[in-house]
Amino acid sequence: MPEGSHQLLKQAEATLRSGNLRQTLMLPEREDFSEWIAVNTVDFFNLINMLYGTITEFCTEASCPVRSAGPRYEYHWENGTNIKKPIKCLGSGSA
């Protein structure tokens, strides 16, 4: 990893732990926008991938038949083109 990218990653990790989302999302002074986007995109992908891997270990079609956020909230999908009326998002493994 180039030195600039390493420094950006260290700064991103430090600001993420601060709890200040606005500070975390700001482009640091004298940093290249494209490199900042690249570092944060890769980091975001890795975190989401790790979260998804954790969820899929415990959520199966039998235990999670519908994608939800607890008993009160279900996830639905519509794209305004082919799917205009929101439909339920099926659980793990049901594409």
N, C-alpha and C. Protein backbone atom coordinates (compact mmCIF):
# COMPACT_ATOMS: atom_id res chain seq x y z
N MET A 1 0.85 -1.17 0.00
CA MET A 1 0.00 0.00 0.00
C MET A 1 0.90 1.24 0.00
N PRO A 2 0.64 2.20 -0.91
CA PRO A 2 1.45 3.42 -0.92
C PRO A 2 1.32 4.17 0.41
N GLU A 3 2.36 4.91 0.76
CA GLU A 3 2.40 5.63 2.04
C GLU A 3 1.20 6.55 2.22
N GLY A 4 0.80 7.27 1.17
CA GLY A 4 -0.35 8.17 1.27
C GLY A 4 -1.62 7.42 1.60
N SER A 5 -1.82 6.27 0.99
CA SER A 5 -3.00 5.46 1.26
C SER A 5 -2.98 4.95 2.70
N HIS A 6 -1.80 4.56 3.15
CA HIS A 6 -1.66 4.07 4.53
C HIS A 6 -2.04 5.17 5.52
N GLN A 7 -1.58 6.38 5.27
CA GLN A 7 -1.90 7.51 6.15
C GLN A 7 -3.40 7.81 6.13
N LEU A 8 -4.02 7.75 4.93
CA LEU A 8 -5.46 7.98 4.83
C LEU A 8 -6.23 6.94 5.61
N LEU A 9 -5.80 5.68 5.51
CA LEU A 9 -6.47 4.60 6.23
C LEU A 9 -6.35 4.81 7.74
N LYS A 10 -5.16 5.19 8.22
CA LYS A 10 -4.97 5.45 9.65
C LYS A 10 -5.86 6.59 10.12
N GLN A 11 -5.98 7.65 9.30
CA GLN A 11 -6.82 8.78 9.68
C GLN A 11 -8.29 8.37 9.69
N ALA A 12 -8.71 7.59 8.70
CA ALA A 12 -10.10 7.14 8.64
C ALA A 12 -10.44 6.30 9.86
N GLU A 13 -9.55 5.40 10.24
CA GLU A 13 -9.79 4.56 11.42
C GLU A 13 -9.89 5.40 12.68
N ALA A 14 -9.05 6.41 12.80
CA ALA A 14 -9.08 7.28 13.98
C ALA A 14 -10.37 8.09 14.04
N THR A 15 -10.82 8.62 12.91
CA THR A 15 -12.04 9.43 12.93
C THR A 15 -13.28 8.56 13.08
N LEU A 16 -13.26 7.32 12.58
CA LEU A 16 -14.40 6.43 12.76
C LEU A 16 -14.63 6.14 14.24
N ARG A 17 -13.56 5.99 14.97
CA ARG A 17 -13.67 5.70 16.40
C ARG A 17 -14.09 6.93 17.21
N SER A 18 -14.00 8.11 16.61
CA SER A 18 -14.35 9.34 17.34
C SER A 18 -15.85 9.48 17.55
N GLY A 19 -16.65 8.81 16.70
CA GLY A 19 -18.10 8.93 16.80
C GLY A 19 -18.65 10.15 16.08
N ASN A 20 -17.79 10.95 15.46
CA ASN A 20 -18.21 12.15 14.75
C ASN A 20 -18.30 11.83 13.25
N LEU A 21 -19.51 11.53 12.78
CA LEU A 21 -19.69 11.13 11.39
C LEU A 21 -19.29 12.24 10.41
N ARG A 22 -19.62 13.47 10.73
CA ARG A 22 -19.26 14.59 9.85
C ARG A 22 -17.74 14.66 9.65
N GLN A 23 -17.00 14.51 10.73
CA GLN A 23 -15.53 14.54 10.65
C GLN A 23 -15.03 13.35 9.84
N THR A 24 -15.65 12.20 10.01
CA THR A 24 -15.23 10.99 9.31
C THR A 24 -15.39 11.14 7.80
N LEU A 25 -16.45 11.82 7.37
CA LEU A 25 -16.75 11.94 5.95
C LEU A 25 -16.06 13.09 5.25
N MET A 26 -15.40 13.96 5.97
CA MET A 26 -14.73 15.11 5.35
C MET A 26 -13.42 14.70 4.68
N LEU A 27 -13.17 15.29 3.51
CA LEU A 27 -11.89 15.08 2.83
C LEU A 27 -10.80 15.79 3.63
N PRO A 28 -9.78 15.05 4.07
CA PRO A 28 -8.69 15.69 4.82
C PRO A 28 -7.98 16.74 3.98
N GLU A 29 -7.45 17.75 4.65
CA GLU A 29 -6.72 18.81 3.94
C GLU A 29 -5.54 18.22 3.16
N ARG A 30 -5.31 18.77 1.99
CA ARG A 30 -4.18 18.42 1.11
C ARG A 30 -4.20 16.95 0.67
N GLU A 31 -5.36 16.31 0.67
CA GLU A 31 -5.46 14.93 0.19
C GLU A 31 -6.12 14.91 -1.18
N ASP A 32 -5.72 13.97 -2.00
CA ASP A 32 -6.29 13.79 -3.32
C ASP A 32 -7.67 13.15 -3.19
N PHE A 33 -8.69 13.76 -3.77
CA PHE A 33 -10.06 13.28 -3.66
C PHE A 33 -10.20 11.85 -4.18
N SER A 34 -9.60 11.55 -5.33
CA SER A 34 -9.73 10.20 -5.90
C SER A 34 -9.12 9.14 -5.00
N GLU A 35 -7.98 9.42 -4.41
CA GLU A 35 -7.35 8.45 -3.53
C GLU A 35 -8.18 8.27 -2.25
N TRP A 36 -8.71 9.38 -1.74
CA TRP A 36 -9.55 9.33 -0.55
C TRP A 36 -10.78 8.46 -0.80
N ILE A 37 -11.42 8.64 -1.96
CA ILE A 37 -12.60 7.84 -2.34
C ILE A 37 -12.20 6.36 -2.45
N ALA A 38 -11.07 6.09 -3.09
CA ALA A 38 -10.64 4.70 -3.28
C ALA A 38 -10.40 4.00 -1.93
N VAL A 39 -9.68 4.65 -1.04
CA VAL A 39 -9.38 4.06 0.27
C VAL A 39 -10.67 3.80 1.04
N ASN A 40 -11.57 4.77 1.05
CA ASN A 40 -12.81 4.62 1.81
C ASN A 40 -13.76 3.62 1.16
N THR A 41 -13.76 3.52 -0.16
CA THR A 41 -14.62 2.55 -0.84
C THR A 41 -14.17 1.13 -0.52
N VAL A 42 -12.88 0.89 -0.58
CA VAL A 42 -12.35 -0.45 -0.27
C VAL A 42 -12.63 -0.78 1.19
N ASP A 43 -12.43 0.16 2.08
CA ASP A 43 -12.68 -0.07 3.50
C ASP A 43 -14.16 -0.36 3.74
N PHE A 44 -15.05 0.41 3.11
CA PHE A 44 -16.49 0.20 3.24
C PHE A 44 -16.87 -1.19 2.73
N PHE A 45 -16.34 -1.58 1.57
CA PHE A 45 -16.62 -2.90 1.02
C PHE A 45 -16.19 -4.00 1.99
N ASN A 46 -14.99 -3.87 2.54
CA ASN A 46 -14.49 -4.89 3.46
C ASN A 46 -15.36 -5.00 4.71
N LEU A 47 -15.81 -3.87 5.25
CA LEU A 47 -16.66 -3.90 6.44
C LEU A 47 -18.02 -4.52 6.13
N ILE A 48 -18.63 -4.16 5.00
CA ILE A 48 -19.92 -4.72 4.63
C ILE A 48 -19.79 -6.22 4.35
N ASN A 49 -18.71 -6.61 3.70
CA ASN A 49 -18.47 -8.01 3.40
C ASN A 49 -18.34 -8.83 4.71
N MET A 50 -17.65 -8.27 5.68
CA MET A 50 -17.49 -8.95 6.96
C MET A 50 -18.84 -9.05 7.68
N LEU A 51 -19.63 -8.00 7.66
CA LEU A 51 -20.96 -8.01 8.27
C LEU A 51 -21.86 -9.04 7.60
N TYR A 52 -21.86 -9.06 6.27
CA TYR A 52 -22.67 -10.01 5.52
C TYR A 52 -22.27 -11.45 5.86
N GLY A 53 -20.97 -11.69 5.92
CA GLY A 53 -20.48 -13.03 6.26
C GLY A 53 -20.93 -13.47 7.64
N THR A 54 -20.94 -12.55 8.58
CA THR A 54 -21.40 -12.86 9.94
C THR A 54 -22.89 -13.19 9.94
N ILE A 55 -23.68 -12.41 9.23
CA ILE A 55 -25.13 -12.63 9.20
C ILE A 55 -25.46 -13.96 8.53
N THR A 56 -24.81 -14.25 7.41
CA THR A 56 -25.15 -15.47 6.68
C THR A 56 -24.80 -16.75 7.45
N GLU A 57 -23.91 -16.66 8.43
CA GLU A 57 -23.61 -17.83 9.25
C GLU A 57 -24.81 -18.21 10.12
N PHE A 58 -25.61 -17.24 10.52
CA PHE A 58 -26.69 -17.48 11.47
C PHE A 58 -28.09 -17.36 10.88
N CYS A 59 -28.22 -16.76 9.72
CA CYS A 59 -29.53 -16.53 9.12
C CYS A 59 -29.69 -17.44 7.90
N THR A 60 -30.56 -18.43 8.04
CA THR A 60 -30.83 -19.37 6.95
C THR A 60 -32.25 -19.14 6.44
N GLU A 61 -32.64 -19.83 5.37
CA GLU A 61 -34.01 -19.70 4.86
C GLU A 61 -35.02 -20.11 5.93
N ALA A 62 -34.67 -21.11 6.73
CA ALA A 62 -35.59 -21.57 7.78
C ALA A 62 -35.70 -20.57 8.92
N SER A 63 -34.57 -20.01 9.36
CA SER A 63 -34.60 -19.10 10.50
C SER A 63 -34.93 -17.66 10.11
N CYS A 64 -34.73 -17.30 8.86
CA CYS A 64 -35.00 -15.93 8.39
C CYS A 64 -35.77 -15.99 7.07
N PRO A 65 -37.04 -16.38 7.08
CA PRO A 65 -37.77 -16.51 5.82
C PRO A 65 -38.01 -15.19 5.11
N VAL A 66 -38.03 -14.09 5.86
CA VAL A 66 -38.24 -12.76 5.29
C VAL A 66 -37.17 -11.84 5.87
N ARG A 67 -36.62 -10.98 5.05
CA ARG A 67 -35.61 -10.03 5.55
C ARG A 67 -36.33 -8.98 6.39
N SER A 68 -35.87 -8.84 7.63
CA SER A 68 -36.54 -7.93 8.54
C SER A 68 -35.55 -7.33 9.52
N ALA A 69 -36.05 -6.34 10.24
CA ALA A 69 -35.28 -5.72 11.33
C ALA A 69 -36.09 -5.93 12.59
N GLY A 70 -36.24 -7.20 12.97
CA GLY A 70 -37.05 -7.54 14.12
C GLY A 70 -38.49 -7.80 13.72
N PRO A 71 -39.35 -8.07 14.68
CA PRO A 71 -40.73 -8.44 14.36
C PRO A 71 -41.58 -7.29 13.82
N ARG A 72 -41.17 -6.06 14.03
CA ARG A 72 -42.00 -4.92 13.62
C ARG A 72 -41.69 -4.36 12.24
N TYR A 73 -40.52 -4.68 11.67
CA TYR A 73 -40.12 -4.06 10.41
C TYR A 73 -39.67 -5.11 9.39
N GLU A 74 -40.26 -5.07 8.20
CA GLU A 74 -39.86 -5.94 7.09
C GLU A 74 -39.27 -5.08 5.98
N TYR A 75 -38.29 -5.64 5.28
CA TYR A 75 -37.71 -4.94 4.15
C TYR A 75 -38.51 -5.26 2.88
N HIS A 76 -38.81 -4.23 2.12
CA HIS A 76 -39.51 -4.37 0.84
C HIS A 76 -38.67 -3.71 -0.24
N TRP A 77 -38.92 -4.08 -1.51
CA TRP A 77 -38.15 -3.57 -2.63
C TRP A 77 -39.08 -3.11 -3.74
N GLU A 78 -38.75 -1.98 -4.32
CA GLU A 78 -39.38 -1.50 -5.55
C GLU A 78 -38.36 -0.63 -6.26
N ASN A 79 -38.40 -0.63 -7.58
CA ASN A 79 -37.42 0.17 -8.32
C ASN A 79 -38.07 1.24 -9.19
N GLY A 80 -39.40 1.32 -9.18
CA GLY A 80 -40.10 2.34 -9.93
C GLY A 80 -40.19 2.06 -11.42
N THR A 81 -39.56 1.00 -11.89
CA THR A 81 -39.60 0.65 -13.31
C THR A 81 -40.39 -0.62 -13.50
N ASN A 82 -39.76 -1.78 -13.27
CA ASN A 82 -40.46 -3.06 -13.42
C ASN A 82 -41.26 -3.40 -12.16
N ILE A 83 -40.73 -3.03 -11.01
CA ILE A 83 -41.38 -3.35 -9.73
C ILE A 83 -41.85 -2.04 -9.12
N LYS A 84 -43.11 -1.72 -9.37
CA LYS A 84 -43.65 -0.44 -8.89
C LYS A 84 -44.33 -0.57 -7.53
N LYS A 85 -44.85 -1.75 -7.23
CA LYS A 85 -45.46 -2.00 -5.93
C LYS A 85 -44.43 -2.74 -5.07
N PRO A 86 -44.06 -2.19 -3.88
CA PRO A 86 -43.04 -2.85 -3.06
C PRO A 86 -43.39 -4.31 -2.75
N ILE A 87 -42.38 -5.18 -2.86
CA ILE A 87 -42.54 -6.59 -2.56
C ILE A 87 -41.60 -6.96 -1.41
N LYS A 88 -41.95 -8.02 -0.69
CA LYS A 88 -41.12 -8.48 0.43
C LYS A 88 -39.78 -8.97 -0.11
N CYS A 89 -38.74 -8.69 0.65
CA CYS A 89 -37.42 -9.26 0.36
C CYS A 89 -37.35 -10.59 1.09
N LEU A 90 -37.15 -11.66 0.33
CA LEU A 90 -37.09 -12.98 0.93
C LEU A 90 -35.81 -13.15 1.70
N GLY A 91 -35.79 -14.11 2.61
CA GLY A 91 -34.66 -14.34 3.50
C GLY A 91 -33.42 -14.86 2.81
N SER A 92 -32.45 -15.22 3.59
CA SER A 92 -31.15 -15.67 3.14
C SER A 92 -31.26 -16.82 2.15
N GLY A 93 -30.55 -16.71 1.03
CA GLY A 93 -30.51 -17.77 0.04
C GLY A 93 -31.67 -17.78 -0.93
N SER A 94 -32.61 -16.86 -0.76
CA SER A 94 -33.79 -16.81 -1.64
C SER A 94 -33.68 -15.61 -2.56
N ALA A 95 -33.04 -15.77 -3.67
CA ALA A 95 -32.86 -14.64 -4.58
C ALA A 95 -34.00 -14.57 -5.57
